[in-house]
Amino acid sequence: MPDADPTKIIPPARQPDLSEQPEERAAAADRDAVDLEEPRTVRYWTETLGVSEEQLHTAVEHAGVSAEEVRKYLGSHS
């Protein structure tokens, strides 16, 4: 059997397409703060914390934008 060309056997590494997961990119940009101005991050936080938009807004009003403080507020008001 002749020597196989390794470039034809092993596909080249695929570069990640950052446009595939914009919600995850947006959330990863700032996991320490809850940004209520950006719909993508609101969706991320409501899904991550398991709350409605109204509950998230209320938590931010009372606890501020710190994700840690919002989590604490939601935990003490569940």
N, C-alpha and C. Protein backbone atom coordinates (compact mmCIF):
# COMPACT_ATOMS: atom_id res chain seq x y z
N MET A 1 0.84 -1.18 0.00
CA MET A 1 0.00 0.00 0.00
C MET A 1 0.89 1.25 0.00
N PRO A 2 0.63 2.17 -0.91
CA PRO A 2 1.47 3.38 -0.94
C PRO A 2 1.20 4.25 0.28
N ASP A 3 2.19 5.07 0.63
CA ASP A 3 2.01 5.99 1.75
C ASP A 3 0.86 6.95 1.47
N ALA A 4 -0.02 7.07 2.43
CA ALA A 4 -1.17 7.97 2.27
C ALA A 4 -0.75 9.40 2.60
N ASP A 5 -1.34 10.33 1.90
CA ASP A 5 -1.10 11.75 2.16
C ASP A 5 -1.91 12.14 3.40
N PRO A 6 -1.27 12.48 4.53
CA PRO A 6 -1.99 12.77 5.77
C PRO A 6 -2.95 13.95 5.64
N THR A 7 -2.70 14.85 4.72
CA THR A 7 -3.62 15.99 4.58
C THR A 7 -4.94 15.57 3.97
N LYS A 8 -4.98 14.40 3.35
CA LYS A 8 -6.22 13.92 2.77
C LYS A 8 -6.97 12.99 3.73
N ILE A 9 -6.29 12.54 4.76
CA ILE A 9 -6.91 11.65 5.74
C ILE A 9 -7.50 12.45 6.90
N ILE A 10 -6.78 13.42 7.38
CA ILE A 10 -7.19 14.21 8.54
C ILE A 10 -7.70 15.56 8.05
N PRO A 11 -8.96 15.85 8.29
CA PRO A 11 -9.48 17.15 7.83
C PRO A 11 -8.83 18.29 8.60
N PRO A 12 -8.70 19.45 7.98
CA PRO A 12 -8.11 20.58 8.69
C PRO A 12 -9.00 21.01 9.85
N ALA A 13 -8.37 21.61 10.85
CA ALA A 13 -9.13 22.07 12.02
C ALA A 13 -10.10 23.16 11.58
N ARG A 14 -11.30 23.07 12.08
CA ARG A 14 -12.32 24.05 11.73
C ARG A 14 -12.26 25.22 12.70
N GLN A 15 -12.19 26.40 12.16
CA GLN A 15 -12.19 27.59 12.99
C GLN A 15 -13.61 27.84 13.46
N PRO A 16 -13.80 28.20 14.72
CA PRO A 16 -15.16 28.44 15.20
C PRO A 16 -15.80 29.62 14.49
N ASP A 17 -17.05 29.46 14.14
CA ASP A 17 -17.83 30.53 13.52
C ASP A 17 -18.53 31.27 14.64
N LEU A 18 -18.02 32.45 14.98
CA LEU A 18 -18.55 33.18 16.12
C LEU A 18 -19.98 33.67 15.91
N SER A 19 -20.43 33.66 14.68
CA SER A 19 -21.80 34.10 14.43
C SER A 19 -22.81 33.00 14.73
N GLU A 20 -22.34 31.79 15.01
CA GLU A 20 -23.24 30.66 15.26
C GLU A 20 -24.00 30.80 16.58
N GLN A 21 -23.37 31.37 17.60
CA GLN A 21 -23.98 31.42 18.92
C GLN A 21 -23.87 32.82 19.52
N PRO A 22 -24.58 33.79 18.96
CA PRO A 22 -24.44 35.16 19.45
C PRO A 22 -24.87 35.34 20.90
N GLU A 23 -25.88 34.59 21.35
CA GLU A 23 -26.31 34.73 22.75
C GLU A 23 -25.20 34.31 23.70
N GLU A 24 -24.55 33.21 23.37
CA GLU A 24 -23.48 32.73 24.25
C GLU A 24 -22.29 33.68 24.22
N ARG A 25 -21.98 34.24 23.05
CA ARG A 25 -20.87 35.21 22.98
C ARG A 25 -21.19 36.44 23.80
N ALA A 26 -22.41 36.94 23.68
CA ALA A 26 -22.80 38.14 24.41
C ALA A 26 -22.73 37.89 25.91
N ALA A 27 -23.23 36.76 26.33
CA ALA A 27 -23.23 36.43 27.76
C ALA A 27 -21.82 36.23 28.27
N ALA A 28 -20.98 35.60 27.47
CA ALA A 28 -19.61 35.36 27.89
C ALA A 28 -18.84 36.66 28.03
N ALA A 29 -19.26 37.68 27.29
CA ALA A 29 -18.56 38.96 27.35
C ALA A 29 -18.62 39.56 28.74
N ASP A 30 -19.70 39.34 29.47
CA ASP A 30 -19.81 39.91 30.80
C ASP A 30 -20.74 39.07 31.66
N ARG A 31 -20.20 38.06 32.29
CA ARG A 31 -20.99 37.18 33.15
C ARG A 31 -21.12 37.75 34.57
N ASP A 32 -20.48 38.88 34.82
CA ASP A 32 -20.52 39.45 36.16
C ASP A 32 -21.60 40.51 36.32
N ALA A 33 -22.19 40.95 35.20
CA ALA A 33 -23.19 42.00 35.27
C ALA A 33 -24.41 41.63 34.44
N VAL A 34 -25.57 42.07 34.89
CA VAL A 34 -26.82 41.82 34.19
C VAL A 34 -27.18 43.09 33.41
N ASP A 35 -27.11 43.01 32.09
CA ASP A 35 -27.41 44.15 31.23
C ASP A 35 -28.84 44.02 30.73
N LEU A 36 -29.72 44.89 31.20
CA LEU A 36 -31.12 44.82 30.82
C LEU A 36 -31.40 45.57 29.52
N GLU A 37 -30.40 46.24 28.97
CA GLU A 37 -30.58 47.02 27.75
C GLU A 37 -30.46 46.15 26.49
N GLU A 38 -29.83 45.01 26.60
CA GLU A 38 -29.56 44.16 25.44
C GLU A 38 -30.46 42.93 25.48
N PRO A 39 -31.37 42.78 24.51
CA PRO A 39 -32.29 41.63 24.51
C PRO A 39 -31.59 40.27 24.60
N ARG A 40 -30.43 40.14 23.96
CA ARG A 40 -29.71 38.85 24.01
C ARG A 40 -29.29 38.51 25.43
N THR A 41 -28.80 39.51 26.15
CA THR A 41 -28.34 39.22 27.50
C THR A 41 -29.52 39.03 28.46
N VAL A 42 -30.62 39.74 28.21
CA VAL A 42 -31.82 39.51 29.03
C VAL A 42 -32.27 38.07 28.85
N ARG A 43 -32.31 37.59 27.61
CA ARG A 43 -32.70 36.21 27.34
C ARG A 43 -31.73 35.24 28.03
N TYR A 44 -30.43 35.54 27.93
CA TYR A 44 -29.43 34.68 28.58
C TYR A 44 -29.69 34.58 30.09
N TRP A 45 -29.87 35.75 30.73
CA TRP A 45 -30.03 35.74 32.18
C TRP A 45 -31.35 35.11 32.62
N THR A 46 -32.44 35.34 31.88
CA THR A 46 -33.70 34.71 32.28
C THR A 46 -33.61 33.20 32.17
N GLU A 47 -32.95 32.72 31.12
CA GLU A 47 -32.78 31.27 30.96
C GLU A 47 -31.81 30.71 32.00
N THR A 48 -30.73 31.40 32.23
CA THR A 48 -29.71 30.93 33.18
C THR A 48 -30.25 30.89 34.60
N LEU A 49 -30.99 31.93 34.97
CA LEU A 49 -31.50 32.02 36.34
C LEU A 49 -32.87 31.38 36.52
N GLY A 50 -33.52 31.02 35.42
CA GLY A 50 -34.82 30.38 35.50
C GLY A 50 -35.91 31.31 36.00
N VAL A 51 -35.86 32.56 35.55
CA VAL A 51 -36.85 33.56 35.98
C VAL A 51 -37.47 34.24 34.76
N SER A 52 -38.57 34.95 35.00
CA SER A 52 -39.20 35.74 33.94
C SER A 52 -38.45 37.06 33.78
N GLU A 53 -38.75 37.76 32.70
CA GLU A 53 -38.14 39.09 32.51
C GLU A 53 -38.55 40.02 33.64
N GLU A 54 -39.80 39.94 34.05
CA GLU A 54 -40.28 40.80 35.13
C GLU A 54 -39.50 40.52 36.42
N GLN A 55 -39.31 39.25 36.74
CA GLN A 55 -38.54 38.90 37.94
C GLN A 55 -37.10 39.39 37.84
N LEU A 56 -36.52 39.27 36.66
CA LEU A 56 -35.14 39.73 36.46
C LEU A 56 -35.06 41.25 36.65
N HIS A 57 -35.99 41.99 36.06
CA HIS A 57 -36.00 43.45 36.21
C HIS A 57 -36.16 43.85 37.67
N THR A 58 -37.05 43.18 38.38
CA THR A 58 -37.26 43.47 39.79
C THR A 58 -35.99 43.21 40.59
N ALA A 59 -35.34 42.09 40.31
CA ALA A 59 -34.11 41.75 41.02
C ALA A 59 -33.03 42.80 40.78
N VAL A 60 -32.89 43.25 39.55
CA VAL A 60 -31.88 44.26 39.24
C VAL A 60 -32.23 45.59 39.91
N GLU A 61 -33.51 45.94 39.95
CA GLU A 61 -33.93 47.17 40.64
C GLU A 61 -33.51 47.14 42.11
N HIS A 62 -33.64 45.98 42.74
CA HIS A 62 -33.36 45.86 44.17
C HIS A 62 -31.89 45.56 44.47
N ALA A 63 -31.24 44.77 43.62
CA ALA A 63 -29.89 44.31 43.93
C ALA A 63 -28.80 44.98 43.11
N GLY A 64 -29.17 45.70 42.06
CA GLY A 64 -28.16 46.29 41.19
C GLY A 64 -27.82 45.32 40.07
N VAL A 65 -26.83 45.66 39.25
CA VAL A 65 -26.51 44.86 38.07
C VAL A 65 -25.53 43.72 38.32
N SER A 66 -24.98 43.63 39.50
CA SER A 66 -24.05 42.55 39.81
C SER A 66 -24.76 41.20 39.74
N ALA A 67 -24.25 40.31 38.90
CA ALA A 67 -24.86 38.99 38.75
C ALA A 67 -24.90 38.25 40.09
N GLU A 68 -23.86 38.40 40.86
CA GLU A 68 -23.81 37.73 42.17
C GLU A 68 -24.91 38.25 43.09
N GLU A 69 -25.09 39.56 43.11
CA GLU A 69 -26.12 40.16 43.96
C GLU A 69 -27.53 39.81 43.47
N VAL A 70 -27.70 39.77 42.15
CA VAL A 70 -29.00 39.38 41.58
C VAL A 70 -29.32 37.95 41.98
N ARG A 71 -28.33 37.07 41.89
CA ARG A 71 -28.55 35.67 42.30
C ARG A 71 -28.95 35.60 43.78
N LYS A 72 -28.25 36.36 44.62
CA LYS A 72 -28.57 36.36 46.05
C LYS A 72 -29.99 36.86 46.28
N TYR A 73 -30.35 37.95 45.60
CA TYR A 73 -31.70 38.50 45.75
C TYR A 73 -32.75 37.47 45.32
N LEU A 74 -32.55 36.86 44.19
CA LEU A 74 -33.52 35.88 43.70
C LEU A 74 -33.60 34.67 44.64
N GLY A 75 -32.47 34.27 45.19
CA GLY A 75 -32.46 33.14 46.12
C GLY A 75 -33.21 33.44 47.40
N SER A 76 -33.16 34.68 47.84
CA SER A 76 -33.84 35.03 49.10
C SER A 76 -35.30 35.42 48.87
N HIS A 77 -35.71 35.55 47.61
CA HIS A 77 -37.08 35.95 47.29
C HIS A 77 -37.79 34.91 46.42
N SER A 78 -37.40 33.67 46.58
CA SER A 78 -38.03 32.63 45.74
C SER A 78 -39.13 31.92 46.47
